[in-house]
N, C-alpha and C. Protein backbone atom coordinates (compact mmCIF):
# COMPACT_ATOMS: atom_id res chain seq x y z
N MET A 1 158.90 -123.33 -1.56
CA MET A 1 158.84 -122.37 -2.66
C MET A 1 159.54 -122.96 -3.87
N ASN A 2 158.79 -123.25 -4.95
CA ASN A 2 159.43 -123.84 -6.13
C ASN A 2 159.66 -122.79 -7.21
N PHE A 3 160.53 -123.15 -8.17
CA PHE A 3 161.06 -122.17 -9.11
C PHE A 3 160.92 -122.71 -10.53
N GLY A 4 160.46 -121.84 -11.44
CA GLY A 4 160.34 -122.21 -12.84
C GLY A 4 161.06 -121.21 -13.71
N ILE A 5 161.57 -121.69 -14.85
CA ILE A 5 162.27 -120.83 -15.80
C ILE A 5 161.63 -121.01 -17.16
N ILE A 6 161.19 -119.92 -17.76
CA ILE A 6 160.66 -119.95 -19.13
C ILE A 6 161.72 -119.34 -20.04
N GLY A 7 162.32 -120.19 -20.86
CA GLY A 7 163.41 -119.75 -21.72
C GLY A 7 164.69 -120.48 -21.37
N SER A 8 165.34 -121.05 -22.37
CA SER A 8 166.53 -121.88 -22.10
C SER A 8 167.76 -121.39 -22.87
N GLY A 9 167.75 -120.11 -23.28
CA GLY A 9 168.93 -119.54 -23.92
C GLY A 9 170.00 -119.21 -22.90
N GLY A 10 170.83 -118.23 -23.22
CA GLY A 10 171.93 -117.91 -22.33
C GLY A 10 171.49 -117.51 -20.94
N LEU A 11 170.42 -116.73 -20.83
CA LEU A 11 169.92 -116.30 -19.53
C LEU A 11 169.35 -117.46 -18.75
N GLY A 12 168.36 -118.14 -19.31
CA GLY A 12 167.70 -119.22 -18.59
C GLY A 12 168.64 -120.35 -18.21
N SER A 13 169.50 -120.77 -19.14
CA SER A 13 170.39 -121.90 -18.87
C SER A 13 171.43 -121.56 -17.82
N ASN A 14 171.92 -120.32 -17.81
CA ASN A 14 172.95 -119.96 -16.83
C ASN A 14 172.37 -119.73 -15.44
N VAL A 15 171.15 -119.23 -15.35
CA VAL A 15 170.50 -119.17 -14.04
C VAL A 15 170.25 -120.59 -13.53
N ALA A 16 169.82 -121.49 -14.41
CA ALA A 16 169.64 -122.89 -14.02
C ALA A 16 170.96 -123.49 -13.56
N ARG A 17 172.04 -123.13 -14.23
CA ARG A 17 173.37 -123.63 -13.85
C ARG A 17 173.75 -123.14 -12.45
N ALA A 18 173.48 -121.87 -12.18
CA ALA A 18 173.78 -121.33 -10.85
C ALA A 18 172.95 -122.01 -9.77
N LEU A 19 171.69 -122.28 -10.06
CA LEU A 19 170.84 -123.01 -9.12
C LEU A 19 171.38 -124.42 -8.87
N ALA A 20 171.72 -125.11 -9.95
CA ALA A 20 172.22 -126.48 -9.83
C ALA A 20 173.50 -126.54 -9.01
N ASN A 21 174.35 -125.55 -9.17
CA ASN A 21 175.61 -125.53 -8.43
C ASN A 21 175.41 -125.44 -6.93
N LYS A 22 174.25 -124.95 -6.51
CA LYS A 22 173.91 -124.86 -5.09
C LYS A 22 172.94 -125.96 -4.67
N GLY A 23 172.65 -126.90 -5.56
CA GLY A 23 171.73 -127.97 -5.24
C GLY A 23 170.28 -127.54 -5.16
N LEU A 24 169.95 -126.42 -5.80
CA LEU A 24 168.58 -125.90 -5.77
C LEU A 24 167.79 -126.41 -6.97
N SER A 25 166.50 -126.61 -6.78
CA SER A 25 165.67 -127.23 -7.81
C SER A 25 164.96 -126.20 -8.66
N ALA A 26 164.69 -126.59 -9.91
CA ALA A 26 163.91 -125.74 -10.82
C ALA A 26 163.40 -126.58 -11.97
N ILE A 27 162.34 -126.09 -12.59
CA ILE A 27 161.85 -126.62 -13.86
C ILE A 27 162.20 -125.60 -14.93
N ILE A 28 162.93 -126.03 -15.96
CA ILE A 28 163.28 -125.14 -17.06
C ILE A 28 162.51 -125.57 -18.30
N SER A 29 162.10 -124.59 -19.10
CA SER A 29 161.23 -124.90 -20.23
C SER A 29 161.60 -124.07 -21.45
N THR A 30 161.15 -124.54 -22.59
CA THR A 30 161.30 -123.82 -23.84
C THR A 30 160.11 -124.16 -24.72
N ARG A 31 159.79 -123.29 -25.65
CA ARG A 31 158.66 -123.56 -26.54
C ARG A 31 158.92 -124.76 -27.43
N ARG A 32 160.17 -125.20 -27.54
CA ARG A 32 160.49 -126.38 -28.35
C ARG A 32 160.16 -127.68 -27.65
N GLY A 33 159.80 -127.61 -26.37
CA GLY A 33 159.40 -128.80 -25.63
C GLY A 33 160.51 -129.38 -24.77
N PRO A 34 160.14 -130.17 -23.75
CA PRO A 34 161.13 -130.71 -22.80
C PRO A 34 162.20 -131.57 -23.46
N GLU A 35 161.84 -132.29 -24.52
CA GLU A 35 162.81 -133.20 -25.14
C GLU A 35 164.02 -132.44 -25.66
N SER A 36 163.84 -131.21 -26.08
CA SER A 36 164.96 -130.43 -26.62
C SER A 36 165.96 -130.01 -25.55
N LEU A 37 165.59 -130.20 -24.28
CA LEU A 37 166.46 -129.81 -23.17
C LEU A 37 167.20 -130.98 -22.55
N ALA A 38 167.12 -132.14 -23.18
CA ALA A 38 167.71 -133.35 -22.59
C ALA A 38 169.20 -133.20 -22.31
N THR A 39 169.94 -132.63 -23.25
CA THR A 39 171.38 -132.48 -23.06
C THR A 39 171.69 -131.51 -21.93
N LEU A 40 170.94 -130.41 -21.88
CA LEU A 40 171.18 -129.42 -20.83
C LEU A 40 170.91 -129.98 -19.45
N VAL A 41 169.77 -130.62 -19.25
CA VAL A 41 169.44 -131.11 -17.91
C VAL A 41 170.36 -132.27 -17.51
N ALA A 42 170.84 -133.04 -18.47
CA ALA A 42 171.81 -134.09 -18.15
C ALA A 42 173.11 -133.47 -17.63
N GLU A 43 173.49 -132.34 -18.21
CA GLU A 43 174.69 -131.64 -17.76
C GLU A 43 174.50 -131.05 -16.37
N LEU A 44 173.33 -130.47 -16.12
CA LEU A 44 173.11 -129.74 -14.87
C LEU A 44 172.85 -130.63 -13.68
N GLY A 45 172.38 -131.85 -13.91
CA GLY A 45 172.17 -132.76 -12.80
C GLY A 45 170.72 -132.87 -12.36
N PRO A 46 170.48 -133.65 -11.31
CA PRO A 46 169.12 -134.07 -10.98
C PRO A 46 168.22 -132.99 -10.42
N THR A 47 168.76 -131.86 -9.96
CA THR A 47 167.88 -130.85 -9.36
C THR A 47 167.17 -129.98 -10.41
N ILE A 48 167.66 -130.02 -11.66
CA ILE A 48 167.04 -129.23 -12.73
C ILE A 48 166.29 -130.17 -13.67
N GLN A 49 165.00 -129.97 -13.78
CA GLN A 49 164.16 -130.82 -14.62
C GLN A 49 163.63 -130.03 -15.81
N ALA A 50 163.50 -130.70 -16.93
CA ALA A 50 162.87 -130.09 -18.10
C ALA A 50 161.36 -130.27 -18.00
N GLY A 51 160.63 -129.25 -18.35
CA GLY A 51 159.17 -129.33 -18.32
C GLY A 51 158.57 -128.51 -19.45
N THR A 52 157.28 -128.51 -19.51
CA THR A 52 156.59 -127.67 -20.48
C THR A 52 156.58 -126.23 -19.97
N VAL A 53 156.29 -125.30 -20.85
CA VAL A 53 156.17 -123.91 -20.44
C VAL A 53 155.07 -123.76 -19.38
N ALA A 54 153.97 -124.47 -19.56
CA ALA A 54 152.88 -124.39 -18.59
C ALA A 54 153.32 -124.91 -17.23
N GLU A 55 154.12 -125.96 -17.20
CA GLU A 55 154.61 -126.50 -15.92
C GLU A 55 155.55 -125.51 -15.23
N ALA A 56 156.44 -124.91 -16.00
CA ALA A 56 157.35 -123.92 -15.41
C ALA A 56 156.58 -122.71 -14.90
N ALA A 57 155.55 -122.30 -15.65
CA ALA A 57 154.76 -121.13 -15.29
C ALA A 57 153.91 -121.37 -14.05
N ALA A 58 153.72 -122.62 -13.65
CA ALA A 58 152.90 -122.93 -12.48
C ALA A 58 153.69 -122.84 -11.18
N ALA A 59 154.99 -122.58 -11.25
CA ALA A 59 155.82 -122.50 -10.04
C ALA A 59 155.47 -121.27 -9.22
N ASP A 60 155.93 -121.25 -7.97
CA ASP A 60 155.68 -120.11 -7.09
C ASP A 60 156.43 -118.86 -7.55
N ILE A 61 157.66 -119.06 -8.03
CA ILE A 61 158.47 -117.98 -8.58
C ILE A 61 158.88 -118.39 -9.98
N VAL A 62 158.63 -117.52 -10.96
CA VAL A 62 158.89 -117.85 -12.36
C VAL A 62 159.78 -116.79 -12.98
N LEU A 63 160.91 -117.20 -13.52
CA LEU A 63 161.79 -116.30 -14.26
C LEU A 63 161.42 -116.32 -15.73
N ILE A 64 161.17 -115.15 -16.29
CA ILE A 64 160.93 -115.03 -17.73
C ILE A 64 162.25 -114.66 -18.38
N ALA A 65 162.78 -115.58 -19.17
CA ALA A 65 164.12 -115.45 -19.73
C ALA A 65 164.08 -115.61 -21.25
N VAL A 66 163.18 -114.88 -21.89
CA VAL A 66 163.07 -114.93 -23.35
C VAL A 66 163.36 -113.55 -23.92
N ARG A 67 163.64 -113.51 -25.20
CA ARG A 67 163.92 -112.22 -25.85
C ARG A 67 162.66 -111.36 -25.85
N TRP A 68 162.89 -110.05 -25.80
CA TRP A 68 161.77 -109.12 -25.75
C TRP A 68 160.80 -109.35 -26.91
N THR A 69 161.33 -109.59 -28.08
CA THR A 69 160.48 -109.74 -29.26
C THR A 69 159.67 -111.04 -29.22
N ASP A 70 159.99 -111.95 -28.32
CA ASP A 70 159.26 -113.22 -28.19
C ASP A 70 158.29 -113.23 -27.02
N LEU A 71 158.19 -112.13 -26.29
CA LEU A 71 157.39 -112.14 -25.07
C LEU A 71 155.91 -112.42 -25.33
N SER A 72 155.35 -111.79 -26.32
CA SER A 72 153.92 -111.99 -26.58
C SER A 72 153.62 -113.44 -26.88
N GLN A 73 154.47 -114.06 -27.67
CA GLN A 73 154.25 -115.47 -28.00
C GLN A 73 154.46 -116.36 -26.78
N ALA A 74 155.45 -116.04 -25.96
CA ALA A 74 155.77 -116.88 -24.80
C ALA A 74 154.73 -116.77 -23.70
N LEU A 75 154.14 -115.59 -23.53
CA LEU A 75 153.26 -115.35 -22.39
C LEU A 75 151.78 -115.31 -22.73
N GLY A 76 151.47 -115.16 -24.01
CA GLY A 76 150.10 -114.90 -24.40
C GLY A 76 149.09 -115.96 -24.05
N SER A 77 149.50 -117.22 -24.04
CA SER A 77 148.54 -118.30 -23.81
C SER A 77 148.57 -118.86 -22.39
N LEU A 78 149.33 -118.24 -21.50
CA LEU A 78 149.44 -118.76 -20.14
C LEU A 78 148.25 -118.34 -19.29
N PRO A 79 147.87 -119.14 -18.30
CA PRO A 79 146.73 -118.80 -17.44
C PRO A 79 147.08 -117.65 -16.51
N ALA A 80 146.08 -117.18 -15.77
CA ALA A 80 146.26 -116.07 -14.85
C ALA A 80 147.33 -116.38 -13.80
N TRP A 81 148.05 -115.35 -13.39
CA TRP A 81 149.17 -115.55 -12.47
C TRP A 81 148.74 -115.60 -11.02
N LYS A 82 147.63 -114.97 -10.69
CA LYS A 82 147.00 -115.10 -9.36
C LYS A 82 147.97 -114.80 -8.22
N GLY A 83 148.71 -113.70 -8.36
CA GLY A 83 149.55 -113.25 -7.26
C GLY A 83 150.89 -113.92 -7.13
N ARG A 84 151.20 -114.85 -8.05
CA ARG A 84 152.52 -115.48 -7.98
C ARG A 84 153.61 -114.50 -8.42
N ILE A 85 154.84 -114.80 -8.07
CA ILE A 85 155.97 -113.91 -8.33
C ILE A 85 156.55 -114.21 -9.70
N VAL A 86 156.68 -113.18 -10.52
CA VAL A 86 157.31 -113.31 -11.83
C VAL A 86 158.53 -112.42 -11.87
N ILE A 87 159.68 -113.01 -12.16
CA ILE A 87 160.92 -112.25 -12.29
C ILE A 87 161.09 -111.84 -13.75
N ASP A 88 161.18 -110.56 -13.96
CA ASP A 88 161.40 -110.01 -15.30
C ASP A 88 162.90 -109.95 -15.56
N GLY A 89 163.39 -110.89 -16.35
CA GLY A 89 164.80 -110.91 -16.70
C GLY A 89 165.07 -110.35 -18.08
N THR A 90 164.10 -109.62 -18.64
CA THR A 90 164.18 -109.18 -20.03
C THR A 90 164.76 -107.77 -20.15
N ASN A 91 165.13 -107.43 -21.38
CA ASN A 91 165.57 -106.08 -21.73
C ASN A 91 164.96 -105.72 -23.09
N PRO A 92 164.60 -104.44 -23.29
CA PRO A 92 163.93 -104.04 -24.53
C PRO A 92 164.91 -103.81 -25.68
N VAL A 93 165.51 -104.89 -26.13
CA VAL A 93 166.42 -104.82 -27.28
C VAL A 93 166.04 -105.89 -28.30
N ALA A 94 166.36 -105.62 -29.54
CA ALA A 94 166.18 -106.59 -30.62
C ALA A 94 167.55 -107.03 -31.10
N PHE A 95 167.69 -108.32 -31.38
CA PHE A 95 168.95 -108.87 -31.87
C PHE A 95 168.96 -108.80 -33.39
N LEU A 96 170.07 -108.33 -33.94
CA LEU A 96 170.15 -108.02 -35.35
C LEU A 96 170.80 -109.15 -36.15
N ASP A 97 170.29 -109.37 -37.34
CA ASP A 97 170.97 -110.22 -38.31
C ASP A 97 172.24 -109.48 -38.72
N PRO A 98 173.42 -110.10 -38.57
CA PRO A 98 174.67 -109.38 -38.88
C PRO A 98 174.79 -108.93 -40.33
N HIS A 99 173.96 -109.51 -41.20
CA HIS A 99 174.01 -109.15 -42.62
C HIS A 99 172.92 -108.16 -43.00
N SER A 100 172.14 -107.71 -42.03
CA SER A 100 171.04 -106.81 -42.32
C SER A 100 171.52 -105.36 -42.33
N PRO A 101 170.77 -104.46 -42.98
CA PRO A 101 171.13 -103.04 -42.96
C PRO A 101 171.18 -102.47 -41.54
N ASP A 102 170.31 -102.98 -40.66
CA ASP A 102 170.31 -102.48 -39.28
C ASP A 102 171.65 -102.69 -38.59
N ALA A 103 172.33 -103.78 -38.95
CA ALA A 103 173.61 -104.08 -38.31
C ALA A 103 174.71 -103.11 -38.74
N GLN A 104 174.46 -102.39 -39.82
CA GLN A 104 175.43 -101.41 -40.32
C GLN A 104 174.96 -99.98 -40.13
N ASP A 105 173.91 -99.78 -39.36
CA ASP A 105 173.30 -98.47 -39.20
C ASP A 105 174.21 -97.56 -38.36
N PRO A 106 174.77 -96.50 -38.94
CA PRO A 106 175.69 -95.64 -38.18
C PRO A 106 175.00 -94.84 -37.09
N THR A 107 173.68 -94.74 -37.13
CA THR A 107 172.95 -94.00 -36.09
C THR A 107 172.62 -94.86 -34.88
N ASN A 108 172.91 -96.15 -34.96
CA ASN A 108 172.63 -97.06 -33.85
C ASN A 108 173.91 -97.30 -33.06
N PRO A 109 174.04 -96.75 -31.86
CA PRO A 109 175.26 -96.92 -31.08
C PRO A 109 175.49 -98.35 -30.61
N LEU A 110 174.47 -99.20 -30.76
CA LEU A 110 174.58 -100.58 -30.28
C LEU A 110 174.79 -101.57 -31.42
N ALA A 111 174.90 -101.07 -32.65
CA ALA A 111 175.03 -101.97 -33.81
C ALA A 111 176.25 -102.88 -33.68
N ALA A 112 177.32 -102.36 -33.13
CA ALA A 112 178.54 -103.16 -32.99
C ALA A 112 178.34 -104.35 -32.05
N TYR A 113 177.32 -104.25 -31.19
CA TYR A 113 177.03 -105.34 -30.25
C TYR A 113 175.94 -106.27 -30.78
N GLY A 114 175.46 -106.00 -31.98
CA GLY A 114 174.46 -106.86 -32.60
C GLY A 114 173.05 -106.67 -32.09
N ILE A 115 172.77 -105.51 -31.49
CA ILE A 115 171.43 -105.25 -30.96
C ILE A 115 171.01 -103.82 -31.29
N LYS A 116 169.73 -103.57 -31.12
CA LYS A 116 169.23 -102.21 -31.18
C LYS A 116 168.15 -102.04 -30.12
N ALA A 117 168.03 -100.83 -29.61
CA ALA A 117 167.01 -100.55 -28.60
C ALA A 117 165.63 -100.55 -29.23
N ILE A 118 164.66 -101.04 -28.48
CA ILE A 118 163.26 -101.02 -28.92
C ILE A 118 162.59 -99.81 -28.28
N ASP A 119 161.96 -99.00 -29.10
CA ASP A 119 161.32 -97.78 -28.64
C ASP A 119 160.01 -98.13 -27.91
N LEU A 120 159.96 -97.82 -26.64
CA LEU A 120 158.76 -98.09 -25.83
C LEU A 120 157.98 -96.82 -25.56
N GLY A 121 158.26 -95.79 -26.32
CA GLY A 121 157.51 -94.54 -26.18
C GLY A 121 157.68 -93.87 -24.84
N GLY A 122 158.88 -93.98 -24.27
CA GLY A 122 159.15 -93.34 -23.00
C GLY A 122 158.77 -94.17 -21.78
N ARG A 123 158.15 -95.30 -21.97
CA ARG A 123 157.77 -96.17 -20.85
C ARG A 123 158.95 -97.05 -20.46
N SER A 124 158.98 -97.47 -19.21
CA SER A 124 160.01 -98.42 -18.80
C SER A 124 159.63 -99.82 -19.26
N SER A 125 160.64 -100.65 -19.45
CA SER A 125 160.35 -102.01 -19.90
C SER A 125 159.54 -102.78 -18.87
N SER A 126 159.77 -102.52 -17.59
CA SER A 126 159.03 -103.25 -16.55
C SER A 126 157.56 -102.86 -16.55
N GLU A 127 157.26 -101.61 -16.90
CA GLU A 127 155.86 -101.18 -17.00
C GLU A 127 155.16 -101.95 -18.11
N VAL A 128 155.82 -102.05 -19.25
CA VAL A 128 155.24 -102.78 -20.38
C VAL A 128 155.16 -104.27 -20.06
N PHE A 129 156.23 -104.81 -19.48
CA PHE A 129 156.26 -106.23 -19.14
C PHE A 129 155.13 -106.58 -18.17
N SER A 130 154.92 -105.75 -17.17
CA SER A 130 153.91 -106.04 -16.15
C SER A 130 152.52 -106.19 -16.75
N GLU A 131 152.25 -105.45 -17.81
CA GLU A 131 150.95 -105.58 -18.48
C GLU A 131 150.79 -106.93 -19.18
N MET A 132 151.90 -107.58 -19.48
CA MET A 132 151.86 -108.89 -20.14
C MET A 132 151.64 -110.04 -19.16
N VAL A 133 151.79 -109.77 -17.86
CA VAL A 133 151.62 -110.81 -16.84
C VAL A 133 150.62 -110.33 -15.79
N PRO A 134 149.37 -110.07 -16.20
CA PRO A 134 148.38 -109.52 -15.27
C PRO A 134 148.17 -110.43 -14.06
N GLY A 135 148.12 -109.81 -12.91
CA GLY A 135 147.93 -110.57 -11.67
C GLY A 135 149.21 -111.05 -11.04
N ALA A 136 150.34 -110.86 -11.70
CA ALA A 136 151.63 -111.29 -11.15
C ALA A 136 152.23 -110.19 -10.27
N ARG A 137 153.06 -110.61 -9.34
CA ARG A 137 153.87 -109.66 -8.57
C ARG A 137 155.26 -109.65 -9.21
N VAL A 138 155.57 -108.57 -9.90
CA VAL A 138 156.76 -108.52 -10.75
C VAL A 138 157.96 -107.98 -9.99
N VAL A 139 159.08 -108.69 -10.13
CA VAL A 139 160.37 -108.23 -9.63
C VAL A 139 161.36 -108.31 -10.78
N LYS A 140 162.11 -107.25 -11.00
CA LYS A 140 163.10 -107.25 -12.08
C LYS A 140 164.44 -107.68 -11.51
N ALA A 141 165.07 -108.66 -12.16
CA ALA A 141 166.38 -109.15 -11.73
C ALA A 141 166.97 -110.00 -12.86
N PHE A 142 168.24 -110.30 -12.74
CA PHE A 142 168.99 -111.15 -13.67
C PHE A 142 169.22 -110.51 -15.04
N ASN A 143 168.79 -109.27 -15.24
CA ASN A 143 168.83 -108.69 -16.59
C ASN A 143 170.05 -107.83 -16.86
N HIS A 144 170.77 -107.41 -15.83
CA HIS A 144 171.80 -106.39 -16.05
C HIS A 144 173.20 -106.96 -16.25
N LEU A 145 173.40 -108.25 -15.99
CA LEU A 145 174.71 -108.86 -16.14
C LEU A 145 174.83 -109.59 -17.47
N ASP A 146 176.05 -109.72 -17.97
CA ASP A 146 176.31 -110.60 -19.10
C ASP A 146 175.82 -112.00 -18.73
N VAL A 147 175.10 -112.65 -19.62
CA VAL A 147 174.51 -113.95 -19.29
C VAL A 147 175.58 -114.97 -18.92
N ASN A 148 176.78 -114.84 -19.46
CA ASN A 148 177.84 -115.80 -19.15
C ASN A 148 178.36 -115.65 -17.73
N ALA A 149 178.09 -114.51 -17.10
CA ALA A 149 178.51 -114.31 -15.72
C ALA A 149 177.50 -114.87 -14.72
N LEU A 150 176.27 -115.11 -15.18
CA LEU A 150 175.21 -115.51 -14.26
C LEU A 150 175.46 -116.86 -13.61
N GLY A 151 176.15 -117.74 -14.33
CA GLY A 151 176.42 -119.06 -13.78
C GLY A 151 177.52 -119.08 -12.74
N GLN A 152 178.14 -117.92 -12.49
CA GLN A 152 179.24 -117.83 -11.52
C GLN A 152 178.97 -116.69 -10.53
N PRO A 153 178.02 -116.89 -9.64
CA PRO A 153 177.67 -115.81 -8.70
C PRO A 153 178.78 -115.49 -7.71
N GLN A 154 179.66 -116.44 -7.47
CA GLN A 154 180.77 -116.22 -6.56
C GLN A 154 182.07 -116.27 -7.34
N VAL A 155 182.83 -115.17 -7.30
CA VAL A 155 184.01 -115.04 -8.14
C VAL A 155 185.01 -114.13 -7.45
N ALA A 156 186.30 -114.36 -7.71
CA ALA A 156 187.37 -113.50 -7.19
C ALA A 156 187.31 -113.34 -5.68
N GLY A 157 186.89 -114.40 -5.00
CA GLY A 157 186.81 -114.35 -3.54
C GLY A 157 185.63 -113.58 -2.99
N GLY A 158 184.68 -113.23 -3.85
CA GLY A 158 183.52 -112.49 -3.39
C GLY A 158 182.26 -112.91 -4.11
N GLN A 159 181.23 -112.09 -3.99
CA GLN A 159 179.92 -112.38 -4.60
C GLN A 159 179.59 -111.30 -5.61
N ARG A 160 179.04 -111.72 -6.76
CA ARG A 160 178.56 -110.73 -7.72
C ARG A 160 177.35 -110.00 -7.15
N ALA A 161 177.33 -108.69 -7.31
CA ALA A 161 176.15 -107.93 -6.93
C ALA A 161 175.05 -108.18 -7.96
N MET A 162 173.86 -108.45 -7.46
CA MET A 162 172.70 -108.66 -8.33
C MET A 162 171.65 -107.61 -7.98
N PHE A 163 171.40 -106.71 -8.91
CA PHE A 163 170.38 -105.69 -8.70
C PHE A 163 168.99 -106.30 -8.85
N TYR A 164 168.06 -105.80 -8.04
CA TYR A 164 166.66 -106.21 -8.20
C TYR A 164 165.77 -105.03 -7.81
N ALA A 165 164.57 -105.02 -8.37
CA ALA A 165 163.63 -103.93 -8.12
C ALA A 165 162.22 -104.46 -8.19
N GLY A 166 161.30 -103.82 -7.49
CA GLY A 166 159.91 -104.26 -7.52
C GLY A 166 159.05 -103.37 -6.66
N ASP A 167 157.74 -103.51 -6.82
CA ASP A 167 156.78 -102.69 -6.08
C ASP A 167 156.11 -103.44 -4.93
N ASP A 168 156.32 -104.74 -4.84
CA ASP A 168 155.68 -105.57 -3.82
C ASP A 168 156.76 -106.05 -2.84
N ALA A 169 156.73 -105.53 -1.62
CA ALA A 169 157.80 -105.82 -0.66
C ALA A 169 157.92 -107.31 -0.33
N PRO A 170 156.83 -108.04 -0.07
CA PRO A 170 156.98 -109.47 0.21
C PRO A 170 157.56 -110.24 -0.98
N ALA A 171 157.17 -109.88 -2.20
CA ALA A 171 157.72 -110.54 -3.39
C ALA A 171 159.22 -110.28 -3.50
N LYS A 172 159.61 -109.04 -3.24
CA LYS A 172 161.04 -108.71 -3.29
C LYS A 172 161.82 -109.49 -2.23
N ALA A 173 161.22 -109.68 -1.06
CA ALA A 173 161.89 -110.44 0.00
C ALA A 173 162.12 -111.89 -0.42
N GLU A 174 161.11 -112.47 -1.10
CA GLU A 174 161.26 -113.85 -1.58
C GLU A 174 162.38 -113.94 -2.63
N VAL A 175 162.41 -112.96 -3.54
CA VAL A 175 163.44 -112.98 -4.58
C VAL A 175 164.81 -112.75 -3.96
N ARG A 176 164.89 -111.89 -2.99
CA ARG A 176 166.17 -111.66 -2.30
C ARG A 176 166.69 -112.96 -1.68
N GLN A 177 165.80 -113.69 -1.03
CA GLN A 177 166.20 -114.97 -0.44
C GLN A 177 166.71 -115.93 -1.50
N LEU A 178 166.06 -115.94 -2.65
CA LEU A 178 166.50 -116.80 -3.75
C LEU A 178 167.89 -116.38 -4.23
N LEU A 179 168.10 -115.08 -4.43
CA LEU A 179 169.39 -114.60 -4.89
C LEU A 179 170.49 -114.94 -3.89
N GLU A 180 170.19 -114.79 -2.62
CA GLU A 180 171.17 -115.12 -1.59
C GLU A 180 171.48 -116.62 -1.59
N ALA A 181 170.45 -117.44 -1.77
CA ALA A 181 170.66 -118.89 -1.79
C ALA A 181 171.53 -119.32 -2.96
N ILE A 182 171.38 -118.63 -4.10
CA ILE A 182 172.21 -118.94 -5.26
C ILE A 182 173.65 -118.52 -5.03
N GLY A 183 173.87 -117.47 -4.24
CA GLY A 183 175.22 -117.01 -3.96
C GLY A 183 175.52 -115.60 -4.38
N TYR A 184 174.52 -114.87 -4.92
CA TYR A 184 174.72 -113.48 -5.28
C TYR A 184 174.65 -112.58 -4.04
N PHE A 185 175.11 -111.34 -4.20
CA PHE A 185 174.92 -110.31 -3.18
C PHE A 185 173.81 -109.39 -3.69
N PRO A 186 172.58 -109.52 -3.18
CA PRO A 186 171.45 -108.75 -3.71
C PRO A 186 171.53 -107.27 -3.33
N VAL A 187 171.20 -106.41 -4.29
CA VAL A 187 171.18 -104.97 -4.06
C VAL A 187 169.81 -104.44 -4.50
N ASP A 188 169.04 -103.93 -3.56
CA ASP A 188 167.68 -103.45 -3.82
C ASP A 188 167.74 -102.05 -4.42
N LEU A 189 167.24 -101.90 -5.65
CA LEU A 189 167.22 -100.61 -6.32
C LEU A 189 165.91 -99.86 -6.15
N GLY A 190 164.99 -100.41 -5.36
CA GLY A 190 163.74 -99.71 -5.12
C GLY A 190 162.61 -100.19 -6.00
N THR A 191 161.78 -99.26 -6.45
CA THR A 191 160.60 -99.61 -7.22
C THR A 191 160.94 -99.96 -8.66
N LEU A 192 159.97 -100.53 -9.36
CA LEU A 192 160.17 -100.83 -10.78
C LEU A 192 160.39 -99.55 -11.58
N ALA A 193 159.64 -98.50 -11.24
CA ALA A 193 159.75 -97.26 -12.00
C ALA A 193 161.14 -96.65 -11.88
N VAL A 194 161.76 -96.80 -10.72
CA VAL A 194 163.10 -96.24 -10.50
C VAL A 194 164.18 -97.28 -10.78
N GLY A 195 164.15 -98.36 -10.03
CA GLY A 195 165.19 -99.38 -10.14
C GLY A 195 165.18 -100.12 -11.45
N GLY A 196 163.98 -100.37 -11.98
CA GLY A 196 163.89 -101.06 -13.26
C GLY A 196 164.59 -100.28 -14.36
N ARG A 197 164.38 -98.99 -14.38
CA ARG A 197 165.02 -98.14 -15.39
C ARG A 197 166.54 -98.11 -15.20
N LEU A 198 167.00 -98.08 -13.96
CA LEU A 198 168.43 -98.01 -13.70
C LEU A 198 169.18 -99.23 -14.23
N SER A 199 168.53 -100.39 -14.16
CA SER A 199 169.25 -101.62 -14.49
C SER A 199 168.98 -102.14 -15.89
N GLU A 200 167.96 -101.60 -16.58
CA GLU A 200 167.60 -102.20 -17.86
C GLU A 200 168.60 -101.83 -18.96
N LEU A 201 168.90 -102.80 -19.79
CA LEU A 201 169.70 -102.56 -20.97
C LEU A 201 168.80 -101.95 -22.04
N PRO A 202 169.32 -101.09 -22.90
CA PRO A 202 170.74 -100.79 -23.04
C PRO A 202 171.21 -99.52 -22.34
N PHE A 203 170.29 -98.65 -21.90
CA PHE A 203 170.74 -97.33 -21.49
C PHE A 203 170.57 -97.03 -20.00
N GLY A 204 170.20 -98.03 -19.20
CA GLY A 204 170.12 -97.81 -17.75
C GLY A 204 171.49 -97.50 -17.19
N ALA A 205 171.54 -96.61 -16.19
CA ALA A 205 172.83 -96.17 -15.65
C ALA A 205 173.63 -97.32 -15.04
N LEU A 206 172.95 -98.36 -14.56
CA LEU A 206 173.63 -99.49 -13.94
C LEU A 206 173.65 -100.74 -14.83
N SER A 207 173.16 -100.61 -16.05
CA SER A 207 173.15 -101.79 -16.92
C SER A 207 174.57 -102.19 -17.28
N ALA A 208 174.80 -103.50 -17.35
CA ALA A 208 176.10 -104.08 -17.70
C ALA A 208 177.18 -103.75 -16.68
N THR A 209 176.77 -103.28 -15.49
CA THR A 209 177.73 -102.97 -14.44
C THR A 209 177.93 -104.19 -13.56
N GLN A 210 179.19 -104.55 -13.34
CA GLN A 210 179.50 -105.71 -12.51
C GLN A 210 180.27 -105.26 -11.27
N PHE A 211 179.63 -105.42 -10.12
CA PHE A 211 180.29 -105.17 -8.84
C PHE A 211 180.50 -106.50 -8.14
N ILE A 212 181.60 -106.61 -7.42
CA ILE A 212 181.89 -107.80 -6.62
C ILE A 212 181.93 -107.39 -5.16
N LYS A 213 181.12 -108.05 -4.33
CA LYS A 213 181.14 -107.83 -2.88
C LYS A 213 182.20 -108.75 -2.28
N ILE A 214 183.24 -108.15 -1.73
CA ILE A 214 184.34 -108.92 -1.13
C ILE A 214 184.08 -109.13 0.35
């Protein structure tokens, strides 16, 4: 079972770091091309390779680690998923220019954090995301923790709890095995409709919650 990562920002690079720390292999990609990842893959070691977005997307399990506002551009030209597993690591937020009026909006409770919620018309982010990856078996994971914590799945003598949710039981089992191999303590939140909402930023009840399994 091979692993691909689309997106090399804080989310993608720290998941790659956690994989590398366990000697696990992955292809990481960015729209800027493999050459732009030379420094990162040199740091992470031989198990993490830089590839094109198409190469990463061809893996058996693919983590989507791009900003919500970039999803259409990142996913729009990819071929059919044909039942492969796609991990939705996204959250429906937009990052604000600190000098923009939005960053000073008193009606936005998230302005101090440099983000604002994207209105999905009452739909869950996983429902919208799933429509962007037709034919994929979607599992939501990696989205609820601070990205800087992702590279350290084992901390304080225990394991970080990693929430995951999905509608396809075999796909969830594969993702659970991956999370366990990295060193997290996986916690199944159920279906995308229920668990996805619980863990999604910014307003999910379990978003930004960090539990340690001792």
